Amino acid sequence: MSRWLPAELRHPLFVAGVATYLVLILYKTGSPLVAGWPRPPALLRAHLADALALPLLLTLELWGLRRYYFRRPAFVLPRSWIFSSWLVFSLWFEWLLPRLDARATADWRDVLAYALGGLVFGLWLNRPAGPTG
């Protein structure tokens, strides 16, 4: 992977997450690029994007905070920030939004998917960067 891309955005889990998310978008939009591919199981289609949300967004947040705010490659997000992100996502997308928009639906399994994503981020992506970042 190109060296001009920051280390956080070259992490194999982040790259795999972005690629998976893009494939999910292609499925959702009915793109001809995935027309011959087998469809993933419904449970996976319904919750995989939610499981990917926190690892992808928190990795981008971590990169931005390291580069532009703290200016320290060793900075990692505190657990309380990861938990707060999970809580905000869960409350917003699974409690408040379904009450405000008839197109949105609440699903407790999405809350579990957000938690799984937060756990993946906390265990494998939220690591200090090397000295070259």
N, C-alpha and C. Protein backbone atom coordinates (compact mmCIF):
# COMPACT_ATOMS: atom_id res chain seq x y z
N MET A 1 0.86 -1.18 0.00
CA MET A 1 0.00 0.00 0.00
C MET A 1 0.90 1.23 0.00
N SER A 2 0.43 2.26 -0.59
CA SER A 2 1.20 3.47 -0.78
C SER A 2 1.64 4.09 0.56
N ARG A 3 2.87 4.57 0.61
CA ARG A 3 3.42 5.16 1.83
C ARG A 3 2.85 6.55 2.11
N TRP A 4 2.29 7.21 1.11
CA TRP A 4 1.74 8.54 1.36
C TRP A 4 0.46 8.47 2.17
N LEU A 5 -0.13 7.30 2.25
CA LEU A 5 -1.33 7.11 3.06
C LEU A 5 -0.91 6.90 4.51
N PRO A 6 -1.55 7.59 5.48
CA PRO A 6 -1.16 7.43 6.89
C PRO A 6 -1.29 5.98 7.36
N ALA A 7 -0.49 5.63 8.35
CA ALA A 7 -0.46 4.26 8.87
C ALA A 7 -1.83 3.78 9.31
N GLU A 8 -2.61 4.65 9.95
CA GLU A 8 -3.94 4.26 10.41
C GLU A 8 -4.82 3.81 9.25
N LEU A 9 -4.68 4.48 8.12
CA LEU A 9 -5.52 4.19 6.96
C LEU A 9 -4.95 3.07 6.09
N ARG A 10 -3.76 2.57 6.44
CA ARG A 10 -3.18 1.42 5.76
C ARG A 10 -3.37 0.13 6.56
N HIS A 11 -3.93 0.25 7.75
CA HIS A 11 -4.11 -0.94 8.60
C HIS A 11 -4.98 -1.95 7.85
N PRO A 12 -4.58 -3.23 7.82
CA PRO A 12 -5.34 -4.23 7.05
C PRO A 12 -6.82 -4.32 7.45
N LEU A 13 -7.13 -4.18 8.73
CA LEU A 13 -8.54 -4.23 9.13
C LEU A 13 -9.32 -3.03 8.60
N PHE A 14 -8.69 -1.86 8.59
CA PHE A 14 -9.36 -0.68 8.05
C PHE A 14 -9.59 -0.83 6.55
N VAL A 15 -8.56 -1.27 5.84
CA VAL A 15 -8.67 -1.45 4.38
C VAL A 15 -9.75 -2.48 4.06
N ALA A 16 -9.75 -3.60 4.79
CA ALA A 16 -10.77 -4.64 4.57
C ALA A 16 -12.16 -4.11 4.90
N GLY A 17 -12.26 -3.30 5.94
CA GLY A 17 -13.56 -2.72 6.31
C GLY A 17 -14.09 -1.78 5.25
N VAL A 18 -13.22 -0.94 4.71
CA VAL A 18 -13.63 -0.01 3.65
C VAL A 18 -14.07 -0.80 2.41
N ALA A 19 -13.30 -1.80 2.03
CA ALA A 19 -13.64 -2.61 0.85
C ALA A 19 -14.98 -3.32 1.06
N THR A 20 -15.18 -3.88 2.24
CA THR A 20 -16.44 -4.57 2.54
C THR A 20 -17.60 -3.60 2.51
N TYR A 21 -17.41 -2.42 3.09
CA TYR A 21 -18.47 -1.42 3.11
C TYR A 21 -18.83 -1.01 1.68
N LEU A 22 -17.83 -0.84 0.83
CA LEU A 22 -18.10 -0.48 -0.56
C LEU A 22 -18.88 -1.58 -1.29
N VAL A 23 -18.54 -2.84 -1.03
CA VAL A 23 -19.28 -3.95 -1.64
C VAL A 23 -20.72 -3.95 -1.14
N LEU A 24 -20.93 -3.68 0.14
CA LEU A 24 -22.30 -3.60 0.68
C LEU A 24 -23.10 -2.50 -0.01
N ILE A 25 -22.45 -1.38 -0.28
CA ILE A 25 -23.14 -0.29 -0.99
C ILE A 25 -23.51 -0.74 -2.41
N LEU A 26 -22.60 -1.45 -3.07
CA LEU A 26 -22.90 -1.95 -4.41
C LEU A 26 -24.09 -2.90 -4.39
N TYR A 27 -24.16 -3.78 -3.40
CA TYR A 27 -25.32 -4.67 -3.26
C TYR A 27 -26.60 -3.87 -3.03
N LYS A 28 -26.52 -2.91 -2.12
CA LYS A 28 -27.72 -2.14 -1.75
C LYS A 28 -28.27 -1.34 -2.93
N THR A 29 -27.37 -0.82 -3.77
CA THR A 29 -27.80 -0.01 -4.90
C THR A 29 -28.12 -0.85 -6.14
N GLY A 30 -27.89 -2.16 -6.05
CA GLY A 30 -28.18 -3.03 -7.19
C GLY A 30 -27.22 -2.83 -8.34
N SER A 31 -25.99 -2.51 -8.03
CA SER A 31 -24.99 -2.25 -9.05
C SER A 31 -24.74 -3.49 -9.93
N PRO A 32 -24.57 -3.27 -11.23
CA PRO A 32 -24.25 -4.40 -12.11
C PRO A 32 -22.87 -4.99 -11.82
N LEU A 33 -22.03 -4.27 -11.08
CA LEU A 33 -20.70 -4.79 -10.73
C LEU A 33 -20.77 -6.04 -9.86
N VAL A 34 -21.88 -6.20 -9.12
CA VAL A 34 -22.02 -7.38 -8.24
C VAL A 34 -23.17 -8.27 -8.69
N ALA A 35 -23.64 -8.07 -9.92
CA ALA A 35 -24.82 -8.80 -10.40
C ALA A 35 -24.63 -10.31 -10.38
N GLY A 36 -23.47 -10.81 -10.71
CA GLY A 36 -23.25 -12.25 -10.75
C GLY A 36 -22.75 -12.85 -9.44
N TRP A 37 -22.52 -12.00 -8.46
CA TRP A 37 -21.99 -12.48 -7.18
C TRP A 37 -23.10 -13.07 -6.33
N PRO A 38 -22.77 -14.07 -5.51
CA PRO A 38 -23.80 -14.60 -4.60
C PRO A 38 -24.15 -13.56 -3.53
N ARG A 39 -25.43 -13.50 -3.19
CA ARG A 39 -25.86 -12.53 -2.17
C ARG A 39 -25.49 -13.04 -0.79
N PRO A 40 -24.95 -12.16 0.06
CA PRO A 40 -24.66 -12.58 1.43
C PRO A 40 -25.96 -12.87 2.17
N PRO A 41 -25.91 -13.66 3.24
CA PRO A 41 -27.12 -13.93 4.02
C PRO A 41 -27.76 -12.64 4.52
N ALA A 42 -29.07 -12.67 4.69
CA ALA A 42 -29.83 -11.47 5.08
C ALA A 42 -29.32 -10.87 6.38
N LEU A 43 -29.02 -11.70 7.37
CA LEU A 43 -28.54 -11.20 8.65
C LEU A 43 -27.24 -10.43 8.48
N LEU A 44 -26.37 -10.93 7.63
CA LEU A 44 -25.10 -10.26 7.36
C LEU A 44 -25.33 -8.94 6.62
N ARG A 45 -26.20 -8.96 5.61
CA ARG A 45 -26.51 -7.72 4.87
C ARG A 45 -27.13 -6.68 5.79
N ALA A 46 -27.93 -7.12 6.75
CA ALA A 46 -28.64 -6.19 7.62
C ALA A 46 -27.75 -5.54 8.67
N HIS A 47 -26.71 -6.24 9.12
CA HIS A 47 -25.97 -5.74 10.28
C HIS A 47 -24.48 -5.51 10.06
N LEU A 48 -23.93 -5.96 8.95
CA LEU A 48 -22.49 -5.81 8.74
C LEU A 48 -22.09 -4.34 8.61
N ALA A 49 -22.87 -3.55 7.92
CA ALA A 49 -22.56 -2.12 7.79
C ALA A 49 -22.55 -1.45 9.16
N ASP A 50 -23.47 -1.85 10.04
CA ASP A 50 -23.50 -1.29 11.38
C ASP A 50 -22.27 -1.71 12.18
N ALA A 51 -21.82 -2.95 12.00
CA ALA A 51 -20.62 -3.42 12.69
C ALA A 51 -19.37 -2.70 12.18
N LEU A 52 -19.39 -2.27 10.93
CA LEU A 52 -18.23 -1.58 10.35
C LEU A 52 -18.21 -0.09 10.68
N ALA A 53 -19.35 0.47 11.05
CA ALA A 53 -19.46 1.92 11.23
C ALA A 53 -18.45 2.47 12.23
N LEU A 54 -18.43 1.96 13.44
CA LEU A 54 -17.52 2.51 14.45
C LEU A 54 -16.05 2.28 14.13
N PRO A 55 -15.64 1.08 13.70
CA PRO A 55 -14.21 0.95 13.37
C PRO A 55 -13.75 1.92 12.28
N LEU A 56 -14.57 2.12 11.26
CA LEU A 56 -14.18 3.01 10.17
C LEU A 56 -14.17 4.47 10.63
N LEU A 57 -15.24 4.90 11.27
CA LEU A 57 -15.31 6.30 11.70
C LEU A 57 -14.31 6.63 12.80
N LEU A 58 -14.15 5.72 13.76
CA LEU A 58 -13.21 6.00 14.85
C LEU A 58 -11.76 5.97 14.35
N THR A 59 -11.46 5.16 13.34
CA THR A 59 -10.11 5.18 12.77
C THR A 59 -9.84 6.52 12.10
N LEU A 60 -10.82 7.04 11.37
CA LEU A 60 -10.66 8.36 10.75
C LEU A 60 -10.52 9.44 11.83
N GLU A 61 -11.30 9.31 12.90
CA GLU A 61 -11.20 10.27 14.01
C GLU A 61 -9.82 10.19 14.65
N LEU A 62 -9.34 8.99 14.89
CA LEU A 62 -8.02 8.80 15.50
C LEU A 62 -6.94 9.43 14.63
N TRP A 63 -7.00 9.17 13.33
CA TRP A 63 -6.02 9.76 12.42
C TRP A 63 -6.06 11.29 12.48
N GLY A 64 -7.26 11.86 12.42
CA GLY A 64 -7.38 13.31 12.45
C GLY A 64 -6.89 13.92 13.75
N LEU A 65 -7.23 13.31 14.87
CA LEU A 65 -6.78 13.84 16.16
C LEU A 65 -5.27 13.73 16.31
N ARG A 66 -4.69 12.63 15.83
CA ARG A 66 -3.24 12.48 15.92
C ARG A 66 -2.52 13.53 15.07
N ARG A 67 -3.02 13.78 13.90
CA ARG A 67 -2.32 14.66 12.97
C ARG A 67 -2.57 16.14 13.22
N TYR A 68 -3.80 16.49 13.55
CA TYR A 68 -4.17 17.90 13.55
C TYR A 68 -4.49 18.49 14.91
N TYR A 69 -4.74 17.69 15.91
CA TYR A 69 -5.08 18.24 17.22
C TYR A 69 -3.98 17.97 18.24
N PHE A 70 -3.76 16.70 18.55
CA PHE A 70 -2.75 16.36 19.56
C PHE A 70 -1.34 16.36 18.99
N ARG A 71 -1.22 16.09 17.70
CA ARG A 71 0.08 16.02 17.02
C ARG A 71 1.03 15.04 17.71
N ARG A 72 0.45 13.91 18.13
CA ARG A 72 1.23 12.85 18.80
C ARG A 72 0.84 11.51 18.19
N PRO A 73 1.76 10.83 17.51
CA PRO A 73 1.44 9.53 16.90
C PRO A 73 1.06 8.47 17.92
N ALA A 74 1.48 8.64 19.17
CA ALA A 74 1.20 7.63 20.20
C ALA A 74 -0.20 7.79 20.81
N PHE A 75 -0.92 8.85 20.44
CA PHE A 75 -2.25 9.07 21.02
C PHE A 75 -3.19 7.94 20.63
N VAL A 76 -3.94 7.45 21.61
CA VAL A 76 -5.01 6.48 21.35
C VAL A 76 -6.29 7.04 21.97
N LEU A 77 -7.42 6.67 21.40
CA LEU A 77 -8.69 7.14 21.94
C LEU A 77 -8.95 6.47 23.29
N PRO A 78 -9.32 7.24 24.30
CA PRO A 78 -9.67 6.63 25.59
C PRO A 78 -10.89 5.72 25.44
N ARG A 79 -10.96 4.70 26.27
CA ARG A 79 -12.10 3.78 26.23
C ARG A 79 -13.42 4.52 26.39
N SER A 80 -13.41 5.57 27.21
CA SER A 80 -14.65 6.32 27.42
C SER A 80 -15.13 6.97 26.12
N TRP A 81 -14.21 7.36 25.24
CA TRP A 81 -14.60 7.95 23.96
C TRP A 81 -15.20 6.89 23.05
N ILE A 82 -14.63 5.70 23.08
CA ILE A 82 -15.17 4.60 22.27
C ILE A 82 -16.57 4.24 22.77
N PHE A 83 -16.71 4.12 24.09
CA PHE A 83 -18.02 3.82 24.68
C PHE A 83 -19.02 4.92 24.35
N SER A 84 -18.60 6.17 24.46
CA SER A 84 -19.50 7.30 24.16
C SER A 84 -19.94 7.27 22.70
N SER A 85 -19.03 6.91 21.81
CA SER A 85 -19.40 6.81 20.39
C SER A 85 -20.45 5.72 20.19
N TRP A 86 -20.25 4.57 20.85
CA TRP A 86 -21.24 3.49 20.77
C TRP A 86 -22.58 3.97 21.32
N LEU A 87 -22.57 4.65 22.44
CA LEU A 87 -23.81 5.11 23.06
C LEU A 87 -24.53 6.12 22.17
N VAL A 88 -23.81 7.07 21.61
CA VAL A 88 -24.42 8.08 20.73
C VAL A 88 -25.00 7.42 19.48
N PHE A 89 -24.25 6.53 18.85
CA PHE A 89 -24.76 5.81 17.67
C PHE A 89 -26.02 5.04 18.02
N SER A 90 -25.97 4.31 19.12
CA SER A 90 -27.11 3.49 19.53
C SER A 90 -28.34 4.34 19.80
N LEU A 91 -28.17 5.40 20.58
CA LEU A 91 -29.32 6.24 20.91
C LEU A 91 -29.85 6.98 19.68
N TRP A 92 -28.95 7.50 18.87
CA TRP A 92 -29.39 8.27 17.71
C TRP A 92 -30.07 7.39 16.66
N PHE A 93 -29.38 6.34 16.23
CA PHE A 93 -29.89 5.55 15.11
C PHE A 93 -30.93 4.50 15.50
N GLU A 94 -30.95 4.08 16.76
CA GLU A 94 -31.88 3.01 17.14
C GLU A 94 -32.97 3.46 18.10
N TRP A 95 -32.90 4.68 18.59
CA TRP A 95 -33.96 5.17 19.48
C TRP A 95 -34.57 6.47 18.95
N LEU A 96 -33.75 7.51 18.78
CA LEU A 96 -34.30 8.82 18.41
C LEU A 96 -34.71 8.89 16.93
N LEU A 97 -33.86 8.51 16.02
CA LEU A 97 -34.17 8.62 14.60
C LEU A 97 -35.44 7.87 14.20
N PRO A 98 -35.66 6.64 14.69
CA PRO A 98 -36.91 5.96 14.34
C PRO A 98 -38.16 6.68 14.84
N ARG A 99 -38.02 7.50 15.87
CA ARG A 99 -39.16 8.28 16.36
C ARG A 99 -39.41 9.53 15.52
N LEU A 100 -38.35 9.98 14.83
CA LEU A 100 -38.45 11.21 14.05
C LEU A 100 -38.69 10.97 12.56
N ASP A 101 -38.30 9.81 12.07
CA ASP A 101 -38.38 9.52 10.64
C ASP A 101 -39.00 8.14 10.44
N ALA A 102 -40.11 8.10 9.73
CA ALA A 102 -40.84 6.84 9.53
C ALA A 102 -40.03 5.83 8.71
N ARG A 103 -39.05 6.30 7.95
CA ARG A 103 -38.23 5.37 7.15
C ARG A 103 -37.20 4.64 7.98
N ALA A 104 -36.89 5.15 9.17
CA ALA A 104 -35.89 4.52 10.03
C ALA A 104 -36.57 3.50 10.95
N THR A 105 -35.89 2.40 11.18
CA THR A 105 -36.42 1.37 12.08
C THR A 105 -35.42 1.08 13.18
N ALA A 106 -35.93 0.84 14.37
CA ALA A 106 -35.08 0.49 15.51
C ALA A 106 -34.84 -1.01 15.51
N ASP A 107 -33.62 -1.42 15.79
CA ASP A 107 -33.28 -2.83 15.83
C ASP A 107 -32.20 -3.03 16.89
N TRP A 108 -32.52 -3.78 17.93
CA TRP A 108 -31.56 -4.00 19.02
C TRP A 108 -30.31 -4.73 18.53
N ARG A 109 -30.44 -5.50 17.44
CA ARG A 109 -29.26 -6.19 16.91
C ARG A 109 -28.25 -5.20 16.32
N ASP A 110 -28.73 -4.05 15.86
CA ASP A 110 -27.81 -3.01 15.40
C ASP A 110 -26.98 -2.47 16.56
N VAL A 111 -27.60 -2.36 17.73
CA VAL A 111 -26.88 -1.91 18.93
C VAL A 111 -25.75 -2.89 19.23
N LEU A 112 -26.03 -4.18 19.11
CA LEU A 112 -24.99 -5.20 19.31
C LEU A 112 -23.90 -5.09 18.24
N ALA A 113 -24.31 -4.80 17.00
CA ALA A 113 -23.34 -4.65 15.91
C ALA A 113 -22.43 -3.45 16.17
N TYR A 114 -23.00 -2.33 16.63
CA TYR A 114 -22.17 -1.17 16.98
C TYR A 114 -21.19 -1.54 18.09
N ALA A 115 -21.66 -2.30 19.09
CA ALA A 115 -20.79 -2.71 20.19
C ALA A 115 -19.65 -3.59 19.68
N LEU A 116 -19.96 -4.51 18.79
CA LEU A 116 -18.92 -5.37 18.21
C LEU A 116 -17.90 -4.53 17.46
N GLY A 117 -18.38 -3.56 16.70
CA GLY A 117 -17.47 -2.67 15.98
C GLY A 117 -16.59 -1.86 16.92
N GLY A 118 -17.17 -1.36 18.00
CA GLY A 118 -16.37 -0.63 18.99
C GLY A 118 -15.32 -1.52 19.63
N LEU A 119 -15.68 -2.77 19.87
CA LEU A 119 -14.73 -3.73 20.44
C LEU A 119 -13.59 -4.02 19.47
N VAL A 120 -13.92 -4.22 18.20
CA VAL A 120 -12.89 -4.45 17.18
C VAL A 120 -11.94 -3.26 17.11
N PHE A 121 -12.51 -2.06 17.10
CA PHE A 121 -11.66 -0.86 17.07
C PHE A 121 -10.77 -0.80 18.31
N GLY A 122 -11.36 -0.99 19.47
CA GLY A 122 -10.60 -0.89 20.71
C GLY A 122 -9.49 -1.91 20.84
N LEU A 123 -9.73 -3.12 20.35
CA LEU A 123 -8.74 -4.19 20.50
C LEU A 123 -7.65 -4.17 19.43
N TRP A 124 -8.00 -3.81 18.20
CA TRP A 124 -7.04 -3.98 17.11
C TRP A 124 -6.66 -2.72 16.34
N LEU A 125 -7.50 -1.71 16.35
CA LEU A 125 -7.19 -0.51 15.56
C LEU A 125 -6.69 0.66 16.40
N ASN A 126 -7.06 0.71 17.64
CA ASN A 126 -6.72 1.82 18.53
C ASN A 126 -5.36 1.57 19.18
N ARG A 127 -4.32 1.59 18.37
CA ARG A 127 -2.96 1.33 18.83
C ARG A 127 -2.07 2.53 18.51
N PRO A 128 -1.06 2.77 19.34
CA PRO A 128 -0.15 3.88 19.02
C PRO A 128 0.54 3.65 17.67
N ALA A 129 0.67 4.71 16.91
CA ALA A 129 1.37 4.63 15.63
C ALA A 129 2.87 4.65 15.88
N GLY A 130 3.61 4.15 14.93
CA GLY A 130 5.07 4.19 15.04
C GLY A 130 5.57 5.62 14.92
N PRO A 131 6.87 5.84 15.09
CA PRO A 131 7.43 7.19 15.04
C PRO A 131 7.23 7.88 13.70
N THR A 132 7.06 7.12 12.61
CA THR A 132 6.85 7.75 11.30
C THR A 132 5.38 7.92 11.00
N GLY A 133 4.49 7.38 11.88
CA GLY A 133 3.05 7.55 11.76
C GLY A 133 2.49 6.94 10.56
